[in-house]
C-alpha cells in the first residue's frame, strides 16, 4: 500500500486532534495551584533518575498524580529530552 504525502498529512492531523482532546480536558480540570505543583514535579522528573516516580498532590483540591521518566537522550538537534 503506497502512502501519499496528503495521506500522511491527514493521518498526522487526525492523530494531533485526537491526542489534543484528552490533554485539553485534563488541563481544564486542574486549577492554577494544581498546575504549579505539577510544574514543580515535572522539573524534578527532568533531573531524577530514569524510572524514579515523582508524585505530586494538591491537598486543597485533591488533585494528584505521578510522573515517571522512562528514557532520556539527545536527538539530532542536540537538546536533552526526557520521555
N, C-alpha and C. Protein backbone atom coordinates (compact mmCIF):
# COMPACT_ATOMS: atom_id res chain seq x y z
N UNK A 1 0.83 -1.17 0.00
CA UNK A 1 0.00 0.00 0.00
C UNK A 1 0.89 1.24 0.00
N UNK A 2 0.72 2.10 -0.97
CA UNK A 2 1.52 3.31 -1.08
C UNK A 2 0.83 4.46 -0.35
N UNK A 3 1.58 5.15 0.49
CA UNK A 3 1.04 6.28 1.23
C UNK A 3 1.48 7.57 0.57
N UNK A 4 0.54 8.45 0.30
CA UNK A 4 0.86 9.73 -0.31
C UNK A 4 1.17 10.74 0.77
N UNK A 5 1.81 11.84 0.39
CA UNK A 5 2.11 12.88 1.38
C UNK A 5 0.81 13.48 1.92
N UNK A 6 -0.22 13.57 1.07
CA UNK A 6 -1.52 14.07 1.56
C UNK A 6 -2.10 13.10 2.58
N UNK A 7 -1.96 11.81 2.33
CA UNK A 7 -2.45 10.80 3.27
C UNK A 7 -1.74 10.87 4.60
N UNK A 8 -0.42 11.07 4.56
CA UNK A 8 0.34 11.22 5.80
C UNK A 8 -0.07 12.46 6.54
N UNK A 9 -0.29 13.56 5.82
CA UNK A 9 -0.71 14.81 6.44
C UNK A 9 -2.06 14.65 7.13
N UNK A 10 -2.99 13.97 6.48
CA UNK A 10 -4.31 13.73 7.09
C UNK A 10 -4.16 12.87 8.34
N UNK A 11 -3.31 11.84 8.29
CA UNK A 11 -3.11 10.96 9.44
C UNK A 11 -2.48 11.72 10.61
N UNK A 12 -1.50 12.56 10.32
CA UNK A 12 -0.86 13.35 11.38
C UNK A 12 -1.86 14.33 11.99
N UNK A 13 -2.64 14.98 11.16
CA UNK A 13 -3.64 15.93 11.65
C UNK A 13 -4.67 15.22 12.52
N UNK A 14 -5.13 14.06 12.09
CA UNK A 14 -6.12 13.30 12.87
C UNK A 14 -5.53 12.87 14.21
N UNK A 15 -4.30 12.40 14.21
CA UNK A 15 -3.65 12.00 15.46
C UNK A 15 -3.46 13.16 16.41
N UNK A 16 -3.12 14.31 15.85
CA UNK A 16 -2.93 15.51 16.68
C UNK A 16 -4.23 15.92 17.34
N UNK A 17 -5.30 15.94 16.56
CA UNK A 17 -6.61 16.33 17.10
C UNK A 17 -7.07 15.32 18.14
N UNK A 18 -6.92 14.03 17.86
CA UNK A 18 -7.36 13.01 18.80
C UNK A 18 -6.56 13.07 20.10
N UNK A 19 -5.28 13.39 20.03
CA UNK A 19 -4.46 13.49 21.24
C UNK A 19 -4.69 14.77 22.01
N UNK A 20 -5.14 15.81 21.33
CA UNK A 20 -5.35 17.10 21.99
C UNK A 20 -6.55 17.09 22.92
N UNK A 21 -7.59 16.35 22.58
CA UNK A 21 -8.80 16.36 23.40
C UNK A 21 -8.57 15.87 24.83
N UNK A 22 -7.94 14.70 25.04
CA UNK A 22 -7.72 14.28 26.44
C UNK A 22 -6.80 15.25 27.19
N UNK A 23 -5.76 15.74 26.54
CA UNK A 23 -4.85 16.67 27.20
C UNK A 23 -5.54 17.97 27.58
N UNK A 24 -6.39 18.48 26.70
CA UNK A 24 -7.12 19.71 26.99
C UNK A 24 -8.09 19.50 28.14
N UNK A 25 -8.73 18.35 28.19
CA UNK A 25 -9.68 18.06 29.27
C UNK A 25 -8.96 17.99 30.61
N UNK A 26 -7.81 17.36 30.65
CA UNK A 26 -7.02 17.29 31.89
C UNK A 26 -6.60 18.70 32.30
N UNK A 27 -6.13 19.49 31.35
CA UNK A 27 -5.71 20.86 31.65
C UNK A 27 -6.84 21.70 32.21
N UNK A 28 -8.05 21.51 31.69
CA UNK A 28 -9.19 22.27 32.20
C UNK A 28 -9.56 21.86 33.62
N UNK A 29 -9.30 20.60 33.97
CA UNK A 29 -9.70 20.13 35.29
C UNK A 29 -8.71 20.53 36.38
N UNK A 30 -7.53 21.02 36.02
CA UNK A 30 -6.54 21.44 37.01
C UNK A 30 -6.64 22.94 37.23
N UNK A 31 -6.67 23.36 38.50
CA UNK A 31 -6.68 24.79 38.78
C UNK A 31 -5.24 25.33 38.77
N UNK A 32 -5.11 26.61 38.99
CA UNK A 32 -3.78 27.25 38.91
C UNK A 32 -2.79 26.63 39.90
N UNK A 33 -3.24 26.39 41.13
CA UNK A 33 -2.36 25.79 42.14
C UNK A 33 -1.94 24.38 41.73
N UNK A 34 -2.88 23.62 41.15
CA UNK A 34 -2.54 22.27 40.67
C UNK A 34 -1.45 22.34 39.61
N UNK A 35 -1.58 23.28 38.69
CA UNK A 35 -0.60 23.40 37.60
C UNK A 35 0.78 23.80 38.14
N UNK A 36 0.81 24.59 39.20
CA UNK A 36 2.10 24.97 39.80
C UNK A 36 2.76 23.74 40.43
N UNK A 37 1.99 22.97 41.19
CA UNK A 37 2.53 21.76 41.82
C UNK A 37 2.98 20.76 40.75
N UNK A 38 2.18 20.60 39.69
CA UNK A 38 2.54 19.71 38.60
C UNK A 38 3.82 20.18 37.91
N UNK A 39 3.94 21.48 37.69
CA UNK A 39 5.14 22.02 37.04
C UNK A 39 6.39 21.74 37.88
N UNK A 40 6.28 21.88 39.19
CA UNK A 40 7.42 21.56 40.07
C UNK A 40 7.80 20.09 39.96
N UNK A 41 6.80 19.22 39.89
CA UNK A 41 7.07 17.79 39.75
C UNK A 41 7.73 17.49 38.40
N UNK A 42 7.30 18.18 37.35
CA UNK A 42 7.92 17.99 36.04
C UNK A 42 9.38 18.39 36.06
N UNK A 43 9.70 19.48 36.76
CA UNK A 43 11.10 19.91 36.87
C UNK A 43 11.92 18.88 37.64
N UNK A 44 11.34 18.33 38.71
CA UNK A 44 12.05 17.29 39.47
C UNK A 44 12.28 16.06 38.59
N UNK A 45 11.28 15.68 37.81
CA UNK A 45 11.39 14.50 36.96
C UNK A 45 12.47 14.68 35.89
N UNK A 46 12.68 15.90 35.46
CA UNK A 46 13.69 16.15 34.43
C UNK A 46 15.08 15.77 34.93
N UNK A 47 15.33 15.91 36.22
CA UNK A 47 16.65 15.62 36.77
C UNK A 47 16.70 14.32 37.57
N UNK A 48 15.56 13.67 37.77
CA UNK A 48 15.51 12.42 38.54
C UNK A 48 16.07 11.27 37.71
N UNK A 49 16.53 10.23 38.38
CA UNK A 49 16.98 9.04 37.63
C UNK A 49 15.82 8.44 36.82
N UNK A 50 16.16 7.84 35.70
CA UNK A 50 15.17 7.17 34.86
C UNK A 50 14.43 6.13 35.72
N UNK A 51 13.13 6.07 35.55
CA UNK A 51 12.22 5.14 36.25
C UNK A 51 11.88 5.56 37.68
N UNK A 52 12.45 6.65 38.19
CA UNK A 52 12.07 7.11 39.53
C UNK A 52 10.72 7.83 39.44
N UNK A 53 9.79 7.46 40.29
CA UNK A 53 8.46 8.05 40.28
C UNK A 53 8.45 9.33 41.11
N UNK A 54 7.97 10.40 40.52
CA UNK A 54 7.81 11.68 41.20
C UNK A 54 6.31 11.86 41.42
N UNK A 55 5.89 11.91 42.67
CA UNK A 55 4.47 12.09 42.97
C UNK A 55 4.19 13.55 43.29
N UNK A 56 3.00 13.99 42.92
CA UNK A 56 2.58 15.35 43.24
C UNK A 56 1.14 15.32 43.72
N UNK A 57 0.81 16.29 44.58
CA UNK A 57 -0.57 16.39 45.05
C UNK A 57 -0.84 17.79 45.56
N UNK A 58 -2.08 18.18 45.46
CA UNK A 58 -2.54 19.45 46.00
C UNK A 58 -3.64 19.10 47.00
N UNK A 59 -3.35 19.18 48.30
CA UNK A 59 -4.34 18.78 49.30
C UNK A 59 -5.58 19.67 49.30
N UNK A 60 -5.47 20.88 48.79
CA UNK A 60 -6.61 21.79 48.78
C UNK A 60 -7.65 21.39 47.73
N UNK A 61 -7.20 20.86 46.59
CA UNK A 61 -8.14 20.48 45.53
C UNK A 61 -8.36 18.97 45.46
N UNK A 62 -7.42 18.21 46.04
CA UNK A 62 -7.50 16.76 45.96
C UNK A 62 -6.86 16.20 44.69
N UNK A 63 -6.38 17.08 43.81
CA UNK A 63 -5.73 16.61 42.58
C UNK A 63 -4.37 16.01 42.92
N UNK A 64 -4.01 14.96 42.20
CA UNK A 64 -2.73 14.30 42.43
C UNK A 64 -2.34 13.50 41.19
N UNK A 65 -1.10 13.08 41.17
CA UNK A 65 -0.62 12.27 40.06
C UNK A 65 0.83 11.88 40.27
N UNK A 66 1.38 11.27 39.25
CA UNK A 66 2.79 10.91 39.31
C UNK A 66 3.39 11.00 37.92
N UNK A 67 4.69 11.24 37.92
CA UNK A 67 5.46 11.35 36.68
C UNK A 67 6.62 10.37 36.81
N UNK A 68 6.86 9.60 35.77
CA UNK A 68 7.97 8.65 35.78
C UNK A 68 8.70 8.75 34.46
N UNK A 69 9.90 9.35 34.47
CA UNK A 69 10.67 9.40 33.22
C UNK A 69 11.07 7.98 32.81
N UNK A 70 10.88 7.69 31.52
CA UNK A 70 11.18 6.34 31.04
C UNK A 70 12.46 6.26 30.22
N UNK A 71 12.87 7.39 29.65
CA UNK A 71 14.14 7.41 28.92
C UNK A 71 14.53 8.86 28.66
N UNK A 72 15.79 9.06 28.40
CA UNK A 72 16.30 10.39 28.09
C UNK A 72 17.35 10.28 27.00
N UNK A 73 17.62 11.38 26.35
CA UNK A 73 18.63 11.35 25.31
C UNK A 73 18.70 12.65 24.55
N UNK A 74 19.55 12.67 23.55
CA UNK A 74 19.72 13.84 22.71
C UNK A 74 19.39 13.49 21.26
N UNK A 75 18.34 14.10 20.70
CA UNK A 75 18.07 13.88 19.28
C UNK A 75 19.10 14.62 18.43
N UNK A 76 18.94 14.58 17.15
CA UNK A 76 19.89 15.23 16.25
C UNK A 76 20.07 16.71 16.53
N UNK A 77 19.03 17.38 17.04
CA UNK A 77 19.12 18.80 17.34
C UNK A 77 20.04 19.09 18.52
N UNK A 78 20.30 18.08 19.36
CA UNK A 78 21.25 18.24 20.45
C UNK A 78 20.67 18.65 21.78
N UNK A 79 19.40 18.97 21.86
CA UNK A 79 18.77 19.34 23.13
C UNK A 79 18.42 18.07 23.90
N UNK A 80 18.70 18.10 25.21
CA UNK A 80 18.39 16.93 26.03
C UNK A 80 16.89 16.82 26.20
N UNK A 81 16.35 15.62 26.03
CA UNK A 81 14.90 15.37 26.13
C UNK A 81 14.66 14.24 27.10
N UNK A 82 13.48 14.22 27.67
CA UNK A 82 13.04 13.12 28.52
C UNK A 82 11.67 12.70 28.11
N UNK A 83 11.40 11.45 28.25
CA UNK A 83 10.09 10.91 27.93
C UNK A 83 9.54 10.25 29.15
